[in-house]
Amino acid sequence: MFGRLPGKYLDPSYVRSGVAETGGFLIGYLEADQKPGTYPIKAVNYKTLRFYWEKVGQVVHPKSVNHPFLSGSLVIERYFRERKPWLIEQIEDAVFDVVYNAR
């Protein structure tokens, strides 16, 4: 779903990440904001698109629509889900280093 045009869905300028020190702890963070605006969807293989529009309670057949950008949180969530084993390994290694190097 996001593979073809990832910049359309998650613009790096709307993502913030970093590491902060709080009370002796290092905390990594990643935040993504909703990208404002819309992008066009046009009928290609058919003369019109087909949508059920809940607001009016009927099926509509526009030739094109301006769709809001998808939420960046969907992309971020998938990213972390796919990399969960690696993230767990990194956390375990960090905890191991702290425990055994503190002696």
C-alpha atoms as a PDB file:
ATOM      1  CA  MET A   1       0.000   0.000   0.000  1.00  0.00           C
ATOM      2  CA  PHE A   2       2.739   2.483   0.900  1.00  0.00           C
ATOM      3  CA  GLY A   3       5.506   1.016  -1.231  1.00  0.00           C
ATOM      4  CA  ARG A   4       4.983   2.984  -4.426  1.00  0.00           C
ATOM      5  CA  LEU A   5       5.054   6.588  -3.211  1.00  0.00           C
ATOM      6  CA  PRO A   6       6.065   6.693   0.467  1.00  0.00           C
ATOM      7  CA  GLY A   7       6.673  10.454   0.391  1.00  0.00           C
ATOM      8  CA  LYS A   8       3.015  10.945  -0.446  1.00  0.00           C
ATOM      9  CA  TYR A   9       2.036   9.422   2.879  1.00  0.00           C
ATOM     10  CA  LEU A  10       4.851  10.334   5.241  1.00  0.00           C
ATOM     11  CA  ASP A  11       6.890  13.438   4.585  1.00  0.00           C
ATOM     12  CA  PRO A  12      10.171  13.498   6.566  1.00  0.00           C
ATOM     13  CA  SER A  13       9.573  17.159   7.401  1.00  0.00           C
ATOM     14  CA  TYR A  14       6.613  16.050   9.575  1.00  0.00           C
ATOM     15  CA  VAL A  15       8.661  13.509  11.564  1.00  0.00           C
ATOM     16  CA  ARG A  16      10.752  14.280  14.636  1.00  0.00           C
ATOM     17  CA  SER A  17      13.050  11.871  16.423  1.00  0.00           C
ATOM     18  CA  GLY A  18      15.884  11.960  18.866  1.00  0.00           C
ATOM     19  CA  VAL A  19      17.221  10.971  22.236  1.00  0.00           C
ATOM     20  CA  ALA A  20      16.578  12.938  25.410  1.00  0.00           C
ATOM     21  CA  GLU A  21      18.106  12.532  28.859  1.00  0.00           C
ATOM     22  CA  THR A  22      15.552  12.654  31.644  1.00  0.00           C
ATOM     23  CA  GLY A  23      16.518  12.031  35.266  1.00  0.00           C
ATOM     24  CA  GLY A  24      19.536   9.917  34.353  1.00  0.00           C
ATOM     25  CA  PHE A  25      17.627   7.917  31.718  1.00  0.00           C
ATOM     26  CA  LEU A  26      18.110   8.120  27.973  1.00  0.00           C
ATOM     27  CA  ILE A  27      14.772   8.099  26.172  1.00  0.00           C
ATOM     28  CA  GLY A  28      14.457   7.692  22.421  1.00  0.00           C
ATOM     29  CA  TYR A  29      11.407   9.184  20.749  1.00  0.00           C
ATOM     30  CA  LEU A  30       9.766   9.283  17.343  1.00  0.00           C
ATOM     31  CA  GLU A  31       6.800  11.537  16.563  1.00  0.00           C
ATOM     32  CA  ALA A  32       4.871  11.953  13.313  1.00  0.00           C
ATOM     33  CA  ASP A  33       2.329  14.668  12.545  1.00  0.00           C
ATOM     34  CA  GLN A  34      -0.502  14.474  10.051  1.00  0.00           C
ATOM     35  CA  LYS A  35       0.597  15.866   6.685  1.00  0.00           C
ATOM     36  CA  PRO A  36      -1.811  18.679   5.732  1.00  0.00           C
ATOM     37  CA  GLY A  37      -3.500  18.961   2.378  1.00  0.00           C
ATOM     38  CA  THR A  38      -4.766  16.511  -0.215  1.00  0.00           C
ATOM     39  CA  TYR A  39      -3.615  14.596  -3.272  1.00  0.00           C
ATOM     40  CA  PRO A  40      -5.648  13.871  -6.430  1.00  0.00           C
ATOM     41  CA  ILE A  41      -7.075  10.445  -7.293  1.00  0.00           C
ATOM     42  CA  LYS A  42      -8.258  10.192 -10.915  1.00  0.00           C
ATOM     43  CA  ALA A  43     -10.130   7.459 -12.746  1.00  0.00           C
ATOM     44  CA  VAL A  44      -7.674   5.632 -15.036  1.00  0.00           C
ATOM     45  CA  ASN A  45      -9.177   2.356 -16.259  1.00  0.00           C
ATOM     46  CA  TYR A  46     -12.797   3.496 -15.864  1.00  0.00           C
ATOM     47  CA  LYS A  47     -14.620   6.703 -16.684  1.00  0.00           C
ATOM     48  CA  THR A  48     -15.469   7.357 -13.017  1.00  0.00           C
ATOM     49  CA  LEU A  49     -14.534   6.317  -9.506  1.00  0.00           C
ATOM     50  CA  ARG A  50     -17.115   4.662  -7.263  1.00  0.00           C
ATOM     51  CA  PHE A  51     -17.532   5.552  -3.573  1.00  0.00           C
ATOM     52  CA  TYR A  52     -20.216   5.146  -0.952  1.00  0.00           C
ATOM     53  CA  TRP A  53     -20.544   8.601   0.583  1.00  0.00           C
ATOM     54  CA  GLU A  54     -21.922   8.190   4.095  1.00  0.00           C
ATOM     55  CA  LYS A  55     -22.666  11.884   4.477  1.00  0.00           C
ATOM     56  CA  VAL A  56     -25.319  11.771   1.752  1.00  0.00           C
ATOM     57  CA  GLY A  57     -26.069   8.047   2.089  1.00  0.00           C
ATOM     58  CA  GLN A  58     -25.561   7.110  -1.525  1.00  0.00           C
ATOM     59  CA  VAL A  59     -23.026   5.862  -4.081  1.00  0.00           C
ATOM     60  CA  VAL A  60     -21.264   8.635  -5.997  1.00  0.00           C
ATOM     61  CA  HIS A  61     -19.303   8.413  -9.274  1.00  0.00           C
ATOM     62  CA  PRO A  62     -16.814  11.305  -9.527  1.00  0.00           C
ATOM     63  CA  LYS A  63     -14.161  11.496 -12.259  1.00  0.00           C
ATOM     64  CA  SER A  64     -11.596  12.577  -9.679  1.00  0.00           C
ATOM     65  CA  VAL A  65     -11.317  13.369  -5.972  1.00  0.00           C
ATOM     66  CA  ASN A  66      -8.877  15.168  -3.685  1.00  0.00           C
ATOM     67  CA  HIS A  67      -8.072  12.746  -0.890  1.00  0.00           C
ATOM     68  CA  PRO A  68      -6.471  13.800   2.433  1.00  0.00           C
ATOM     69  CA  PHE A  69      -3.012  12.389   3.053  1.00  0.00           C
ATOM     70  CA  LEU A  70      -3.008   9.231   5.119  1.00  0.00           C
ATOM     71  CA  SER A  71      -1.942   9.473   8.722  1.00  0.00           C
ATOM     72  CA  GLY A  72       1.799   9.091   9.275  1.00  0.00           C
ATOM     73  CA  SER A  73       1.047   7.018  12.351  1.00  0.00           C
ATOM     74  CA  LEU A  74       0.092   4.089  10.086  1.00  0.00           C
ATOM     75  CA  VAL A  75       3.531   4.118   8.484  1.00  0.00           C
ATOM     76  CA  ILE A  76       5.330   4.535  11.822  1.00  0.00           C
ATOM     77  CA  GLU A  77       3.355   1.691  13.402  1.00  0.00           C
ATOM     78  CA  ARG A  78       4.146  -0.672  10.512  1.00  0.00           C
ATOM     79  CA  TYR A  79       7.825   0.335  10.631  1.00  0.00           C
ATOM     80  CA  PHE A  80       8.098  -0.560  14.317  1.00  0.00           C
ATOM     81  CA  ARG A  81       6.092  -3.764  13.927  1.00  0.00           C
ATOM     82  CA  GLU A  82       8.416  -4.955  11.135  1.00  0.00           C
ATOM     83  CA  ARG A  83      11.535  -4.078  13.112  1.00  0.00           C
ATOM     84  CA  LYS A  84      10.340  -5.281  16.515  1.00  0.00           C
ATOM     85  CA  PRO A  85      12.790  -8.250  16.734  1.00  0.00           C
ATOM     86  CA  TRP A  86      15.736  -5.951  15.975  1.00  0.00           C
ATOM     87  CA  LEU A  87      14.509  -3.318  18.455  1.00  0.00           C
ATOM     88  CA  ILE A  88      14.118  -5.921  21.218  1.00  0.00           C
ATOM     89  CA  GLU A  89      17.640  -7.199  20.529  1.00  0.00           C
ATOM     90  CA  GLN A  90      19.046  -3.666  20.753  1.00  0.00           C
ATOM     91  CA  ILE A  91      17.262  -3.018  24.056  1.00  0.00           C
ATOM     92  CA  GLU A  92      18.461  -6.331  25.501  1.00  0.00           C
ATOM     93  CA  ASP A  93      22.046  -5.542  24.470  1.00  0.00           C
ATOM     94  CA  ALA A  94      21.835  -2.080  26.047  1.00  0.00           C
ATOM     95  CA  VAL A  95      20.441  -3.462  29.321  1.00  0.00           C
ATOM     96  CA  PHE A  96      23.103  -6.187  29.364  1.00  0.00           C
ATOM     97  CA  ASP A  97      25.863  -3.585  28.850  1.00  0.00           C
ATOM     98  CA  VAL A  98      24.511  -1.390  31.667  1.00  0.00           C
ATOM     99  CA  VAL A  99      24.159  -4.267  34.136  1.00  0.00           C
ATOM    100  CA  TYR A 100      27.507  -5.941  33.482  1.00  0.00           C
ATOM    101  CA  ASN A 101      29.577  -2.811  32.938  1.00  0.00           C
ATOM    102  CA  ALA A 102      28.250  -1.200  36.129  1.00  0.00           C
ATOM    103  CA  ARG A 103      30.007  -3.777  38.327  1.00  0.00           C
END
